């Protein structure tokens, strides 16, 4: 089955080039295009793609906000931010909004094909620039003790729920497994996010990976 892709970028020529390249892949198909954030949200709801390639700087609604709104509606869709911006704040904004990957347009060749395959199976893909930003932030937090101290503030139940959420279990599945109500799971989950200063499931998964919680 082909990976169904939506292109969201305000540059017509770039979209045409991406469409040609992606449709040449035996396992990929561009099923739609959008020239601004609002249209990206509408097309995502209508077409239900597997993957969205999302520009940041677009008219009407920018790519970060469009990503946030789409992920709120379509939790399973994978969004790869494809941009000219190397700005570290954009990297974190994209990940917080729910993006599964971040890469620069200048790398949009074979690296893009790899990135799409990686995020399609639920993993994260960061360009070397984005990786250095994320690692730098992590090392800074380790040096200041924030990384260690925040995890130690979690209760045993909160650590348990952190691991289960990061593994992809829903609130109902966790509730059934721990024999508690879904509402209680949601409360614990909110406490975990607050204590660790995380703003999305993507950030929570990244945190769990850094802590080695998913290696069992």
C-alpha atoms as a PDB file:
ATOM      1  CA  UNK A   1       0.000   0.000   0.000  1.00  0.00           C
ATOM      2  CA  UNK A   2       1.360   3.409  -0.967  1.00  0.00           C
ATOM      3  CA  UNK A   3       2.125   6.157   1.542  1.00  0.00           C
ATOM      4  CA  UNK A   4      -0.473   8.873   0.883  1.00  0.00           C
ATOM      5  CA  UNK A   5       1.096  12.326   1.076  1.00  0.00           C
ATOM      6  CA  UNK A   6      -0.294  15.870   1.300  1.00  0.00           C
ATOM      7  CA  UNK A   7       1.983  18.781   0.300  1.00  0.00           C
ATOM      8  CA  UNK A   8       1.491  22.095   2.129  1.00  0.00           C
ATOM      9  CA  UNK A   9       3.665  24.918   0.753  1.00  0.00           C
ATOM     10  CA  UNK A  10       2.910  28.319  -0.757  1.00  0.00           C
ATOM     11  CA  UNK A  11       5.505  27.884  -3.555  1.00  0.00           C
ATOM     12  CA  UNK A  12       3.850  26.279  -6.587  1.00  0.00           C
ATOM     13  CA  UNK A  13       7.136  25.341  -8.260  1.00  0.00           C
ATOM     14  CA  UNK A  14       8.439  23.622  -5.131  1.00  0.00           C
ATOM     15  CA  UNK A  15       5.206  21.630  -4.782  1.00  0.00           C
ATOM     16  CA  UNK A  16       5.448  20.572  -8.421  1.00  0.00           C
ATOM     17  CA  UNK A  17       9.036  19.378  -7.910  1.00  0.00           C
ATOM     18  CA  UNK A  18       8.149  17.479  -4.748  1.00  0.00           C
ATOM     19  CA  UNK A  19       5.104  15.905  -6.383  1.00  0.00           C
ATOM     20  CA  UNK A  20       7.197  14.678  -9.311  1.00  0.00           C
ATOM     21  CA  UNK A  21       9.915  13.268  -7.057  1.00  0.00           C
ATOM     22  CA  UNK A  22       7.540  11.564  -4.607  1.00  0.00           C
ATOM     23  CA  UNK A  23       5.232  10.108  -7.252  1.00  0.00           C
ATOM     24  CA  UNK A  24       8.318   8.547  -8.854  1.00  0.00           C
ATOM     25  CA  UNK A  25       8.739   6.437  -5.711  1.00  0.00           C
ATOM     26  CA  UNK A  26       7.068   3.016  -6.007  1.00  0.00           C
ATOM     27  CA  UNK A  27       5.524   3.229  -2.539  1.00  0.00           C
ATOM     28  CA  UNK A  28       4.456   6.902  -2.406  1.00  0.00           C
ATOM     29  CA  UNK A  29       1.619   8.957  -3.855  1.00  0.00           C
ATOM     30  CA  UNK A  30       0.877  12.676  -3.529  1.00  0.00           C
ATOM     31  CA  UNK A  31      -2.889  12.830  -3.033  1.00  0.00           C
ATOM     32  CA  UNK A  32      -3.298  16.582  -2.533  1.00  0.00           C
ATOM     33  CA  UNK A  33      -1.740  20.016  -2.187  1.00  0.00           C
ATOM     34  CA  UNK A  34      -2.340  23.125  -0.103  1.00  0.00           C
ATOM     35  CA  UNK A  35      -0.930  26.627  -0.567  1.00  0.00           C
ATOM     36  CA  UNK A  36      -1.597  27.938   2.942  1.00  0.00           C
ATOM     37  CA  UNK A  37      -2.196  26.669   6.461  1.00  0.00           C
ATOM     38  CA  UNK A  38      -5.975  26.960   6.366  1.00  0.00           C
ATOM     39  CA  UNK A  39      -6.175  24.930   3.164  1.00  0.00           C
ATOM     40  CA  UNK A  40      -3.769  22.376   4.661  1.00  0.00           C
ATOM     41  CA  UNK A  41      -6.166  21.830   7.580  1.00  0.00           C
ATOM     42  CA  UNK A  42      -9.156  21.480   5.235  1.00  0.00           C
ATOM     43  CA  UNK A  43      -7.372  19.103   2.846  1.00  0.00           C
ATOM     44  CA  UNK A  44      -6.023  17.003   5.717  1.00  0.00           C
ATOM     45  CA  UNK A  45      -9.550  16.481   7.055  1.00  0.00           C
ATOM     46  CA  UNK A  46     -10.929  15.708   3.600  1.00  0.00           C
ATOM     47  CA  UNK A  47      -8.140  13.439   2.305  1.00  0.00           C
ATOM     48  CA  UNK A  48      -6.891  11.817   5.553  1.00  0.00           C
ATOM     49  CA  UNK A  49      -3.267  11.439   4.344  1.00  0.00           C
ATOM     50  CA  UNK A  50      -0.652   9.265   6.019  1.00  0.00           C
ATOM     51  CA  UNK A  51       2.003  11.984   5.886  1.00  0.00           C
ATOM     52  CA  UNK A  52       1.909  15.771   5.464  1.00  0.00           C
ATOM     53  CA  UNK A  53       4.940  17.771   4.311  1.00  0.00           C
ATOM     54  CA  UNK A  54       4.424  21.132   6.004  1.00  0.00           C
ATOM     55  CA  UNK A  55       6.117  24.446   5.299  1.00  0.00           C
ATOM     56  CA  UNK A  56       6.326  26.914   8.195  1.00  0.00           C
ATOM     57  CA  UNK A  57       6.005  30.314   6.530  1.00  0.00           C
ATOM     58  CA  UNK A  58       2.649  30.308   4.734  1.00  0.00           C
ATOM     59  CA  UNK A  59      -0.170  32.853   4.365  1.00  0.00           C
ATOM     60  CA  UNK A  60      -3.266  32.965   6.570  1.00  0.00           C
ATOM     61  CA  UNK A  61      -2.271  30.238   9.073  1.00  0.00           C
ATOM     62  CA  UNK A  62       1.399  29.300   9.446  1.00  0.00           C
ATOM     63  CA  UNK A  63       2.652  25.728   9.355  1.00  0.00           C
ATOM     64  CA  UNK A  64       3.193  25.470  13.120  1.00  0.00           C
ATOM     65  CA  UNK A  65      -0.393  26.406  13.937  1.00  0.00           C
ATOM     66  CA  UNK A  66      -1.713  24.254  11.076  1.00  0.00           C
ATOM     67  CA  UNK A  67       0.260  21.305  12.487  1.00  0.00           C
ATOM     68  CA  UNK A  68      -1.200  21.902  15.946  1.00  0.00           C
ATOM     69  CA  UNK A  69      -4.778  22.036  14.631  1.00  0.00           C
ATOM     70  CA  UNK A  70      -4.387  19.008  12.357  1.00  0.00           C
ATOM     71  CA  UNK A  71      -2.874  16.855  15.119  1.00  0.00           C
ATOM     72  CA  UNK A  72      -5.757  17.805  17.386  1.00  0.00           C
ATOM     73  CA  UNK A  73      -8.200  16.418  14.807  1.00  0.00           C
ATOM     74  CA  UNK A  74      -6.157  13.624  13.184  1.00  0.00           C
ATOM     75  CA  UNK A  75      -3.912  12.164  15.865  1.00  0.00           C
ATOM     76  CA  UNK A  76      -2.482   9.434  13.624  1.00  0.00           C
ATOM     77  CA  UNK A  77      -1.311  11.610  10.733  1.00  0.00           C
ATOM     78  CA  UNK A  78       2.475  12.122  10.587  1.00  0.00           C
ATOM     79  CA  UNK A  79       3.702  15.639   9.852  1.00  0.00           C
ATOM     80  CA  UNK A  80       7.179  16.427   8.545  1.00  0.00           C
ATOM     81  CA  UNK A  81       8.087  20.101   8.708  1.00  0.00           C
ATOM     82  CA  UNK A  82      10.026  21.010   5.566  1.00  0.00           C
ATOM     83  CA  UNK A  83      11.430  24.526   5.846  1.00  0.00           C
ATOM     84  CA  UNK A  84      14.231  26.960   5.057  1.00  0.00           C
ATOM     85  CA  UNK A  85      14.433  28.002   8.715  1.00  0.00           C
ATOM     86  CA  UNK A  86      17.313  26.732  10.869  1.00  0.00           C
ATOM     87  CA  UNK A  87      16.005  28.753  13.818  1.00  0.00           C
ATOM     88  CA  UNK A  88      16.139  26.597  16.974  1.00  0.00           C
ATOM     89  CA  UNK A  89      12.870  28.030  18.279  1.00  0.00           C
ATOM     90  CA  UNK A  90      11.065  26.797  15.172  1.00  0.00           C
ATOM     91  CA  UNK A  91      12.381  23.282  15.830  1.00  0.00           C
ATOM     92  CA  UNK A  92      10.890  23.213  19.337  1.00  0.00           C
ATOM     93  CA  UNK A  93       7.658  24.896  18.245  1.00  0.00           C
ATOM     94  CA  UNK A  94       7.200  22.268  15.513  1.00  0.00           C
ATOM     95  CA  UNK A  95       7.820  19.366  17.897  1.00  0.00           C
ATOM     96  CA  UNK A  96       5.553  20.880  20.537  1.00  0.00           C
ATOM     97  CA  UNK A  97       2.818  21.250  17.919  1.00  0.00           C
ATOM     98  CA  UNK A  98       3.027  17.514  17.195  1.00  0.00           C
ATOM     99  CA  UNK A  99       5.353  17.243  14.194  1.00  0.00           C
ATOM    100  CA  UNK A 100       7.174  13.925  13.774  1.00  0.00           C
ATOM    101  CA  UNK A 101      10.100  15.417  11.909  1.00  0.00           C
ATOM    102  CA  UNK A 102      11.948  18.580  10.937  1.00  0.00           C
ATOM    103  CA  UNK A 103      14.261  19.061   7.981  1.00  0.00           C
ATOM    104  CA  UNK A 104      15.546  21.807   5.703  1.00  0.00           C
ATOM    105  CA  UNK A 105      14.315  22.212   2.138  1.00  0.00           C
ATOM    106  CA  UNK A 106      17.886  22.163   0.852  1.00  0.00           C
ATOM    107  CA  UNK A 107      18.021  18.484   1.894  1.00  0.00           C
ATOM    108  CA  UNK A 108      14.813  17.607   0.042  1.00  0.00           C
ATOM    109  CA  UNK A 109      16.183  14.791  -2.090  1.00  0.00           C
ATOM    110  CA  UNK A 110      17.030  11.258  -0.975  1.00  0.00           C
ATOM    111  CA  UNK A 111      17.024  12.431   2.646  1.00  0.00           C
ATOM    112  CA  UNK A 112      13.362  13.407   2.285  1.00  0.00           C
ATOM    113  CA  UNK A 113      12.436   9.908   1.077  1.00  0.00           C
ATOM    114  CA  UNK A 114      14.215   8.435   4.109  1.00  0.00           C
ATOM    115  CA  UNK A 115      12.493  10.894   6.455  1.00  0.00           C
ATOM    116  CA  UNK A 116       9.033   9.988   5.136  1.00  0.00           C
ATOM    117  CA  UNK A 117       9.686   6.269   5.656  1.00  0.00           C
ATOM    118  CA  UNK A 118      10.980   6.912   9.189  1.00  0.00           C
ATOM    119  CA  UNK A 119       8.040   9.005  10.402  1.00  0.00           C
ATOM    120  CA  UNK A 120       5.482   6.762   8.677  1.00  0.00           C
ATOM    121  CA  UNK A 121       6.382   3.912  11.065  1.00  0.00           C
ATOM    122  CA  UNK A 122       6.024   6.173  14.093  1.00  0.00           C
ATOM    123  CA  UNK A 123       9.611   7.261  14.664  1.00  0.00           C
ATOM    124  CA  UNK A 124      11.052  10.774  14.627  1.00  0.00           C
ATOM    125  CA  UNK A 125      13.274  12.295  11.979  1.00  0.00           C
ATOM    126  CA  UNK A 126      15.390  15.374  12.622  1.00  0.00           C
ATOM    127  CA  UNK A 127      17.844  16.929  10.188  1.00  0.00           C
ATOM    128  CA  UNK A 128      21.430  17.250  11.500  1.00  0.00           C
ATOM    129  CA  UNK A 129      20.761  20.915  12.312  1.00  0.00           C
ATOM    130  CA  UNK A 130      17.603  20.084  14.268  1.00  0.00           C
ATOM    131  CA  UNK A 131      19.359  17.202  16.032  1.00  0.00           C
ATOM    132  CA  UNK A 132      22.120  19.493  17.263  1.00  0.00           C
ATOM    133  CA  UNK A 133      19.511  21.926  18.612  1.00  0.00           C
ATOM    134  CA  UNK A 134      17.625  19.197  20.502  1.00  0.00           C
ATOM    135  CA  UNK A 135      20.794  17.558  21.836  1.00  0.00           C
ATOM    136  CA  UNK A 136      22.189  20.936  22.858  1.00  0.00           C
ATOM    137  CA  UNK A 137      19.015  21.703  24.799  1.00  0.00           C
ATOM    138  CA  UNK A 138      19.118  18.287  26.462  1.00  0.00           C
ATOM    139  CA  UNK A 139      22.774  18.673  27.484  1.00  0.00           C
ATOM    140  CA  UNK A 140      22.060  22.112  28.869  1.00  0.00           C
ATOM    141  CA  UNK A 141      19.240  20.693  30.983  1.00  0.00           C
ATOM    142  CA  UNK A 142      21.474  17.864  32.181  1.00  0.00           C
ATOM    143  CA  UNK A 143      24.156  20.377  33.205  1.00  0.00           C
ATOM    144  CA  UNK A 144      21.663  22.475  35.147  1.00  0.00           C
ATOM    145  CA  UNK A 145      20.216  19.366  36.811  1.00  0.00           C
ATOM    146  CA  UNK A 146      16.760  20.017  35.377  1.00  0.00           C
ATOM    147  CA  UNK A 147      16.615  16.692  33.509  1.00  0.00           C
ATOM    148  CA  UNK A 148      17.483  14.611  36.559  1.00  0.00           C
ATOM    149  CA  UNK A 149      15.459  16.573  39.077  1.00  0.00           C
ATOM    150  CA  UNK A 150      12.262  16.673  37.044  1.00  0.00           C
ATOM    151  CA  UNK A 151      12.126  12.877  36.677  1.00  0.00           C
ATOM    152  CA  UNK A 152      12.820  12.350  40.375  1.00  0.00           C
ATOM    153  CA  UNK A 153       9.751  14.479  41.151  1.00  0.00           C
ATOM    154  CA  UNK A 154       7.444  11.877  39.566  1.00  0.00           C
ATOM    155  CA  UNK A 155       5.630   9.336  41.693  1.00  0.00           C
ATOM    156  CA  UNK A 156       5.926   5.614  40.899  1.00  0.00           C
ATOM    157  CA  UNK A 157       2.443   5.640  39.318  1.00  0.00           C
ATOM    158  CA  UNK A 158       3.313   8.705  37.240  1.00  0.00           C
ATOM    159  CA  UNK A 159       6.491   7.008  35.992  1.00  0.00           C
ATOM    160  CA  UNK A 160       4.448   3.940  35.105  1.00  0.00           C
ATOM    161  CA  UNK A 161       1.949   6.012  33.140  1.00  0.00           C
ATOM    162  CA  UNK A 162       4.726   8.005  31.455  1.00  0.00           C
ATOM    163  CA  UNK A 163       6.210   4.769  30.112  1.00  0.00           C
ATOM    164  CA  UNK A 164       2.858   3.383  28.940  1.00  0.00           C
ATOM    165  CA  UNK A 165       1.850   6.609  27.195  1.00  0.00           C
ATOM    166  CA  UNK A 166       5.252   6.767  25.480  1.00  0.00           C
ATOM    167  CA  UNK A 167       4.777   3.181  24.288  1.00  0.00           C
ATOM    168  CA  UNK A 168       1.599   4.307  22.517  1.00  0.00           C
ATOM    169  CA  UNK A 169      -1.134   3.013  24.826  1.00  0.00           C
ATOM    170  CA  UNK A 170      -4.387   4.985  25.009  1.00  0.00           C
ATOM    171  CA  UNK A 171      -5.877   6.253  28.268  1.00  0.00           C
ATOM    172  CA  UNK A 172      -8.484   3.476  28.167  1.00  0.00           C
ATOM    173  CA  UNK A 173      -5.858   0.779  27.611  1.00  0.00           C
ATOM    174  CA  UNK A 174      -3.748   2.136  30.482  1.00  0.00           C
ATOM    175  CA  UNK A 175      -6.817   2.340  32.735  1.00  0.00           C
ATOM    176  CA  UNK A 176      -7.672  -1.288  32.012  1.00  0.00           C
ATOM    177  CA  UNK A 177      -4.096  -2.409  32.577  1.00  0.00           C
ATOM    178  CA  UNK A 178      -3.685  -0.554  35.888  1.00  0.00           C
ATOM    179  CA  UNK A 179      -7.296  -1.117  37.000  1.00  0.00           C
ATOM    180  CA  UNK A 180      -8.048   2.584  37.425  1.00  0.00           C
ATOM    181  CA  UNK A 181     -10.456   4.909  35.634  1.00  0.00           C
ATOM    182  CA  UNK A 182      -9.530   6.679  32.357  1.00  0.00           C
ATOM    183  CA  UNK A 183     -10.139   9.978  34.136  1.00  0.00           C
ATOM    184  CA  UNK A 184      -7.520   9.066  36.763  1.00  0.00           C
ATOM    185  CA  UNK A 185      -5.084   8.170  33.982  1.00  0.00           C
ATOM    186  CA  UNK A 186      -5.712  11.544  32.356  1.00  0.00           C
ATOM    187  CA  UNK A 187      -5.092  13.325  35.674  1.00  0.00           C
ATOM    188  CA  UNK A 188      -1.778  11.491  36.184  1.00  0.00           C
ATOM    189  CA  UNK A 189      -0.811  12.186  32.580  1.00  0.00           C
ATOM    190  CA  UNK A 190      -1.484  15.903  33.046  1.00  0.00           C
ATOM    191  CA  UNK A 191       0.669  15.920  36.202  1.00  0.00           C
ATOM    192  CA  UNK A 192       3.494  14.190  34.320  1.00  0.00           C
ATOM    193  CA  UNK A 193       3.347  16.736  31.493  1.00  0.00           C
ATOM    194  CA  UNK A 194       3.305  19.634  33.960  1.00  0.00           C
ATOM    195  CA  UNK A 195       6.187  18.320  36.088  1.00  0.00           C
ATOM    196  CA  UNK A 196       8.375  17.580  33.076  1.00  0.00           C
ATOM    197  CA  UNK A 197       7.351  20.756  31.231  1.00  0.00           C
ATOM    198  CA  UNK A 198       6.193  18.760  28.197  1.00  0.00           C
ATOM    199  CA  UNK A 199       3.495  19.980  25.818  1.00  0.00           C
ATOM    200  CA  UNK A 200       2.703  17.098  23.488  1.00  0.00           C
ATOM    201  CA  UNK A 201       2.854  13.328  23.180  1.00  0.00           C
ATOM    202  CA  UNK A 202       5.791  13.742  20.778  1.00  0.00           C
ATOM    203  CA  UNK A 203       7.784  15.535  23.494  1.00  0.00           C
ATOM    204  CA  UNK A 204       6.778  12.894  26.032  1.00  0.00           C
ATOM    205  CA  UNK A 205       8.024  10.093  23.740  1.00  0.00           C
ATOM    206  CA  UNK A 206      11.310  11.935  23.174  1.00  0.00           C
ATOM    207  CA  UNK A 207      11.731  12.377  26.925  1.00  0.00           C
ATOM    208  CA  UNK A 208      11.051   8.681  27.573  1.00  0.00           C
ATOM    209  CA  UNK A 209      13.589   7.729  24.900  1.00  0.00           C
ATOM    210  CA  UNK A 210      16.231   9.984  26.463  1.00  0.00           C
ATOM    211  CA  UNK A 211      15.588   8.398  29.855  1.00  0.00           C
ATOM    212  CA  UNK A 212      15.895   4.910  28.354  1.00  0.00           C
ATOM    213  CA  UNK A 213      12.350   4.027  29.428  1.00  0.00           C
ATOM    214  CA  UNK A 214      11.481   2.355  26.121  1.00  0.00           C
ATOM    215  CA  UNK A 215      14.366  -0.082  26.028  1.00  0.00           C
ATOM    216  CA  UNK A 216      12.786  -2.822  28.114  1.00  0.00           C
END
